[in-house]
Structure formats: C-alpha cells, structure tokens
Amino acid sequence: MNELVHAKRARGAAPARKETGRTNDPERTQANILEVAEAEFGEKGLAGARIDEIAAATRTSKRMIYYYFGSKEGLYLAVLEEAYRRVRDIESELHLQDLEPEQALRRLVAFTFDHHLAHESYIRLVMSENINRGQYLAQSQRIQELNVPAIEAIGNLYKRGIASGAFRKGLDPVDIHASISALSFFNVSNAHTFGLIFKIDMKSRAYITHRRDNVVEMIARFVRKI
C-alpha cells in the first residue's frame, strides 16, 4: 500500500520537475534573459540593475546568467547588441527597394518613429550607454556589422532618388540616418520634461499622430529636390 502511495506521489510530482526543463533549451533561455534584462537595464541603468532580479524574473539563476554572458557587464553588452540587431532585422523586412524612393523614405521614417515609441526600454538603453560614454558598446565585436545594413539601405534608397530626380545631391546617408534617429528619439527620450514644460500630453493619440506626420514630412522635405 505504501509503495502504491509513493508511486502516485512520484507521478504527481512529475510536472513540477518539468518547470526546470527550460535550461534544456539554451536559445530560449538566453532570449528570455535578454528580454528581461533589457527592461531591467533600461529602467535602472547598468549600475542600478540587479542580476538577482533578472534571475528571479526568468526563473533561472545568477550562475546560469554568468555561464551564458560571463558577467553583468557582458549581459549588458549582449542586451545592447540584441536591441540593435532586432531593429535592424525589422528594417530589412520593410522592402524599401520595392517602393519609389520618397515612398520608401517615408516608410522608413514612420517605422523608426513607431519603433522608438513602442520600445522605450531601447531608448533608455541608448541613453544609458551615452551616459557611459559608449565604453561598453566600444567593446562590441558586432555593433559595426549590425548597423552597416541600415546605412547601406539608406544609401541605396538615396541613390535611387537622385537617379530618378526626386532627391537633391550632396547628402550623406549617415547624416540622413542621424536626422531620422534624432527626430524619432526625442519624442521618447524627452517626453516627460518636454511635455511637462509645455503642458503637452505627448502620449495622446492625437499628438503622436500629428508629430509622426510632421517628422515624416520634415525628412522628406530635407531630402527632396527643390
């Protein structure tokens, strides 16, 4: 009888053991750690973030996080790289080459604006790394190659625009990228201070739609041949 009870208890305990089975899927585990860590680093910065909090939220351990990423700084750098990789991957799916130059440019600007608005943790990460004077991103072996496609896409789009007579000559693709990024970034990075000073609800749908349209139009006019 006791053996039967023990057997039933053993069978009943089986599902609990499966909860730790996540470690058998390293890619999924690492992706989950990166996702939670992005929110943690974005909210608290490198100095304020806690590996204990990330481990608890991902149901892993500090030891496992260090096994995958080496250190807190290693995890932070991996989060930065993943954030850039993700946005570049999505950009590559916009099929800009299939659109007329100005239409393609407008789609790119609108995407960048929407992405930044929807990913405040990404903006906060970039702000945090600028506070760190880029010292951790400078250690990345991948950051250059991750961002080359973005500049190449703008460069190709711009060349097509010149060839068609739609865009003016003499612009630098990196400068175009900087202008798109700056106008999209500000709406998130300065939302609290700017909104408070000028009494604007920068999270209202009406304001966001109006501002988005203006940013798209500004970039289009900047590049367009007069």
Protein backbone atom coordinates (compact mmCIF):
# COMPACT_ATOMS: atom_id res chain seq x y z
CA MET A 1 0.00 0.00 0.00
CA ASN A 2 2.77 2.39 0.90
CA GLU A 3 4.51 1.57 -2.36
CA LEU A 4 1.32 2.48 -4.27
CA VAL A 5 1.04 5.83 -2.45
CA HIS A 6 4.68 6.63 -3.13
CA ALA A 7 4.23 5.76 -6.79
CA LYS A 8 1.21 8.08 -7.09
CA ARG A 9 3.08 10.88 -5.36
CA ALA A 10 6.01 10.39 -7.69
CA ARG A 11 3.73 10.59 -10.71
CA GLY A 12 2.04 13.67 -9.32
CA ALA A 13 5.37 15.39 -8.76
CA ALA A 14 6.48 14.95 -12.37
CA PRO A 15 5.04 18.25 -13.69
CA ALA A 16 6.96 20.23 -11.07
CA ARG A 17 10.24 18.81 -12.36
CA LYS A 18 9.38 19.99 -15.88
CA GLU A 19 9.46 23.62 -14.75
CA THR A 20 13.23 23.46 -14.57
CA GLY A 21 13.43 21.90 -18.02
CA ARG A 22 13.79 25.35 -19.59
CA THR A 23 17.55 25.06 -19.13
CA ASN A 24 17.46 22.29 -21.75
CA ASP A 25 16.59 24.94 -24.35
CA PRO A 26 19.60 27.28 -24.21
CA GLU A 27 18.45 29.58 -27.03
CA ARG A 28 15.05 30.15 -25.47
CA THR A 29 16.58 30.66 -22.05
CA GLN A 30 19.08 33.21 -23.33
CA ALA A 31 16.39 35.04 -25.30
CA ASN A 32 14.25 35.25 -22.18
CA ILE A 33 17.16 36.53 -20.12
CA LEU A 34 17.93 39.19 -22.73
CA GLU A 35 14.31 40.32 -22.86
CA VAL A 36 14.02 40.71 -19.09
CA ALA A 37 17.49 42.23 -18.81
CA GLU A 38 16.63 44.88 -21.41
CA ALA A 39 13.77 46.08 -19.22
CA GLU A 40 15.95 45.95 -16.08
CA PHE A 41 18.90 47.82 -17.61
CA GLY A 42 16.59 50.24 -19.39
CA GLU A 43 14.80 51.13 -16.17
CA LYS A 44 17.78 51.24 -13.81
CA GLY A 45 20.90 51.58 -15.95
CA LEU A 46 23.94 49.37 -15.67
CA ALA A 47 24.84 50.47 -12.15
CA GLY A 48 21.33 50.10 -10.73
CA ALA A 49 20.31 46.85 -12.42
CA ARG A 50 20.45 43.67 -10.34
CA ILE A 51 21.29 40.23 -11.67
CA ASP A 52 19.26 38.75 -8.79
CA GLU A 53 16.15 40.47 -10.14
CA ILE A 54 16.79 39.22 -13.68
CA ALA A 55 17.39 35.67 -12.44
CA ALA A 56 14.18 35.70 -10.39
CA ALA A 57 12.08 37.07 -13.26
CA THR A 58 13.41 34.47 -15.69
CA ARG A 59 13.30 31.56 -13.22
CA THR A 60 16.99 30.91 -13.79
CA SER A 61 19.98 31.52 -11.54
CA LYS A 62 22.83 34.01 -11.32
CA ARG A 63 25.18 31.15 -12.05
CA MET A 64 23.39 30.35 -15.31
CA ILE A 65 23.36 34.01 -16.38
CA TYR A 66 27.09 34.26 -15.75
CA TYR A 67 27.59 30.97 -17.61
CA TYR A 68 25.92 32.39 -20.71
CA PHE A 69 27.12 36.00 -20.55
CA GLY A 70 30.24 35.98 -18.39
CA SER A 71 29.39 38.92 -16.15
CA LYS A 72 26.88 41.67 -15.51
CA GLU A 73 28.76 43.84 -17.99
CA GLY A 74 28.75 41.00 -20.51
CA LEU A 75 24.98 40.69 -20.19
CA TYR A 76 24.57 44.44 -20.57
CA LEU A 77 26.61 44.43 -23.78
CA ALA A 78 24.65 41.45 -25.12
CA VAL A 79 21.41 43.34 -24.41
CA LEU A 80 22.69 46.35 -26.32
CA GLU A 81 23.71 44.22 -29.30
CA GLU A 82 20.39 42.38 -29.30
CA ALA A 83 18.44 45.64 -29.22
CA TYR A 84 20.30 46.95 -32.26
CA ARG A 85 20.08 43.59 -34.04
CA ARG A 86 16.33 43.43 -33.56
CA VAL A 87 15.61 46.85 -35.03
CA ARG A 88 17.93 46.22 -37.98
CA ASP A 89 16.26 42.89 -38.68
CA ILE A 90 12.85 44.55 -38.81
CA GLU A 91 14.20 47.31 -41.06
CA SER A 92 15.37 44.67 -43.52
CA GLU A 93 11.77 43.44 -43.80
CA LEU A 94 10.40 46.82 -44.93
CA HIS A 95 11.20 46.00 -48.60
CA LEU A 96 12.26 49.58 -49.29
CA GLN A 97 13.76 48.55 -52.62
CA ASP A 98 10.27 47.72 -53.90
CA LEU A 99 8.97 51.25 -53.36
CA GLU A 100 9.53 54.57 -55.10
CA PRO A 101 12.37 56.49 -53.34
CA GLU A 102 10.25 59.04 -51.47
CA GLN A 103 7.64 56.46 -50.54
CA ALA A 104 10.42 54.19 -49.26
CA LEU A 105 11.92 57.04 -47.25
CA ARG A 106 8.57 57.87 -45.71
CA ARG A 107 8.04 54.23 -44.73
CA LEU A 108 11.48 54.09 -43.10
CA VAL A 109 10.91 57.28 -41.11
CA ALA A 110 7.44 56.17 -39.99
CA PHE A 111 8.80 52.79 -38.92
CA THR A 112 11.64 54.36 -36.93
CA PHE A 113 9.25 56.74 -35.19
CA ASP A 114 6.82 53.92 -34.33
CA HIS A 115 9.57 51.55 -33.20
CA HIS A 116 11.10 54.06 -30.81
CA LEU A 117 7.70 54.97 -29.42
CA ALA A 118 6.87 51.31 -28.78
CA HIS A 119 10.26 50.40 -27.28
CA GLU A 120 11.01 52.87 -24.51
CA SER A 121 13.47 50.43 -22.96
CA TYR A 122 15.54 50.59 -26.16
CA ILE A 123 15.67 54.39 -25.93
CA ARG A 124 16.59 54.27 -22.26
CA LEU A 125 19.34 51.75 -23.02
CA VAL A 126 20.87 54.03 -25.64
CA MET A 127 20.61 56.97 -23.25
CA SER A 128 22.29 54.91 -20.53
CA GLU A 129 25.13 53.91 -22.81
CA ASN A 130 25.66 57.53 -23.80
CA ILE A 131 25.94 58.38 -20.10
CA ASN A 132 28.62 55.67 -20.01
CA ARG A 133 30.25 57.48 -22.98
CA GLY A 134 29.81 54.40 -25.13
CA GLN A 135 32.52 52.49 -23.28
CA TYR A 136 30.70 49.15 -23.34
CA LEU A 137 29.43 49.41 -26.91
CA ALA A 138 33.01 50.17 -27.93
CA GLN A 139 33.91 46.65 -26.78
CA SER A 140 31.40 45.05 -29.13
CA GLN A 141 32.74 42.93 -31.96
CA ARG A 142 29.38 43.04 -33.75
CA ILE A 143 27.99 46.55 -33.47
CA GLN A 144 29.56 47.83 -36.69
CA GLU A 145 28.36 44.94 -38.81
CA LEU A 146 24.89 45.18 -37.26
CA ASN A 147 24.49 48.78 -38.38
CA VAL A 148 26.13 48.62 -41.81
CA PRO A 149 22.94 47.31 -43.49
CA ALA A 150 20.94 50.29 -42.18
CA ILE A 151 23.30 52.78 -43.79
CA GLU A 152 23.52 50.73 -46.98
CA ALA A 153 19.72 50.68 -47.24
CA ILE A 154 19.53 54.45 -46.89
CA GLY A 155 22.44 54.87 -49.31
CA ASN A 156 20.75 52.74 -51.96
CA LEU A 157 17.43 54.48 -51.43
CA TYR A 158 19.12 57.87 -51.72
CA LYS A 159 20.98 56.91 -54.91
CA ARG A 160 17.72 55.77 -56.49
CA GLY A 161 16.15 59.06 -55.50
CA ILE A 162 18.94 61.04 -57.14
CA ALA A 163 18.76 58.93 -60.29
CA SER A 164 15.02 59.49 -60.55
CA GLY A 165 15.38 63.22 -59.94
CA ALA A 166 13.38 63.08 -56.70
CA PHE A 167 16.24 63.78 -54.25
CA ARG A 168 18.82 66.53 -54.15
CA LYS A 169 22.52 65.77 -54.35
CA GLY A 170 25.20 66.29 -51.72
CA LEU A 171 23.71 64.48 -48.73
CA ASP A 172 25.42 61.82 -46.62
CA PRO A 173 23.43 58.64 -45.84
CA VAL A 174 24.81 58.66 -42.29
CA ASP A 175 23.55 62.22 -41.85
CA ILE A 176 20.12 61.23 -43.15
CA HIS A 177 20.11 58.35 -40.69
CA ALA A 178 21.12 60.69 -37.86
CA SER A 179 18.29 63.09 -38.67
CA ILE A 180 15.70 60.29 -38.76
CA SER A 181 17.01 58.88 -35.50
CA ALA A 182 17.16 62.24 -33.73
CA LEU A 183 13.60 63.26 -34.58
CA SER A 184 12.23 59.85 -33.61
CA PHE A 185 14.35 59.55 -30.46
CA PHE A 186 13.39 62.90 -28.95
CA ASN A 187 9.70 62.09 -28.78
CA VAL A 188 10.51 59.32 -26.30
CA SER A 189 13.68 60.47 -24.54
CA ASN A 190 12.32 63.93 -23.69
CA ALA A 191 8.64 63.10 -23.34
CA HIS A 192 8.49 63.75 -19.60
CA THR A 193 10.44 67.00 -19.48
CA PHE A 194 9.20 68.50 -22.75
CA GLY A 195 5.60 67.53 -22.04
CA LEU A 196 5.79 68.99 -18.52
CA ILE A 197 7.37 72.29 -19.60
CA PHE A 198 4.98 72.93 -22.47
CA LYS A 199 1.95 71.20 -20.91
CA ILE A 200 1.61 68.68 -23.76
CA ASP A 201 0.28 65.17 -23.39
CA MET A 202 2.93 63.54 -25.55
CA LYS A 203 1.32 60.14 -25.11
CA SER A 204 -2.05 61.16 -26.51
CA ARG A 205 -3.02 59.55 -29.81
CA ALA A 206 -3.76 62.93 -31.39
CA TYR A 207 -0.35 64.34 -30.51
CA ILE A 208 1.52 61.20 -31.60
CA THR A 209 -0.25 61.11 -34.98
CA HIS A 210 0.40 64.81 -35.59
CA ARG A 211 4.03 64.58 -34.53
CA ARG A 212 4.63 61.43 -36.59
CA ASP A 213 3.25 63.09 -39.72
CA ASN A 214 5.43 66.14 -39.13
CA VAL A 215 8.60 64.09 -38.66
CA VAL A 216 7.96 62.11 -41.84
CA GLU A 217 7.31 65.33 -43.77
CA MET A 218 10.41 67.08 -42.40
CA ILE A 219 12.72 64.29 -43.52
CA ALA A 220 11.03 64.05 -46.92
CA ARG A 221 11.43 67.79 -47.48
CA PHE A 222 15.04 67.69 -46.28
CA VAL A 223 15.94 65.11 -48.93
CA ARG A 224 13.59 66.14 -51.72
CA LYS A 225 14.95 68.03 -54.71
CA ILE A 226 13.60 71.57 -54.69
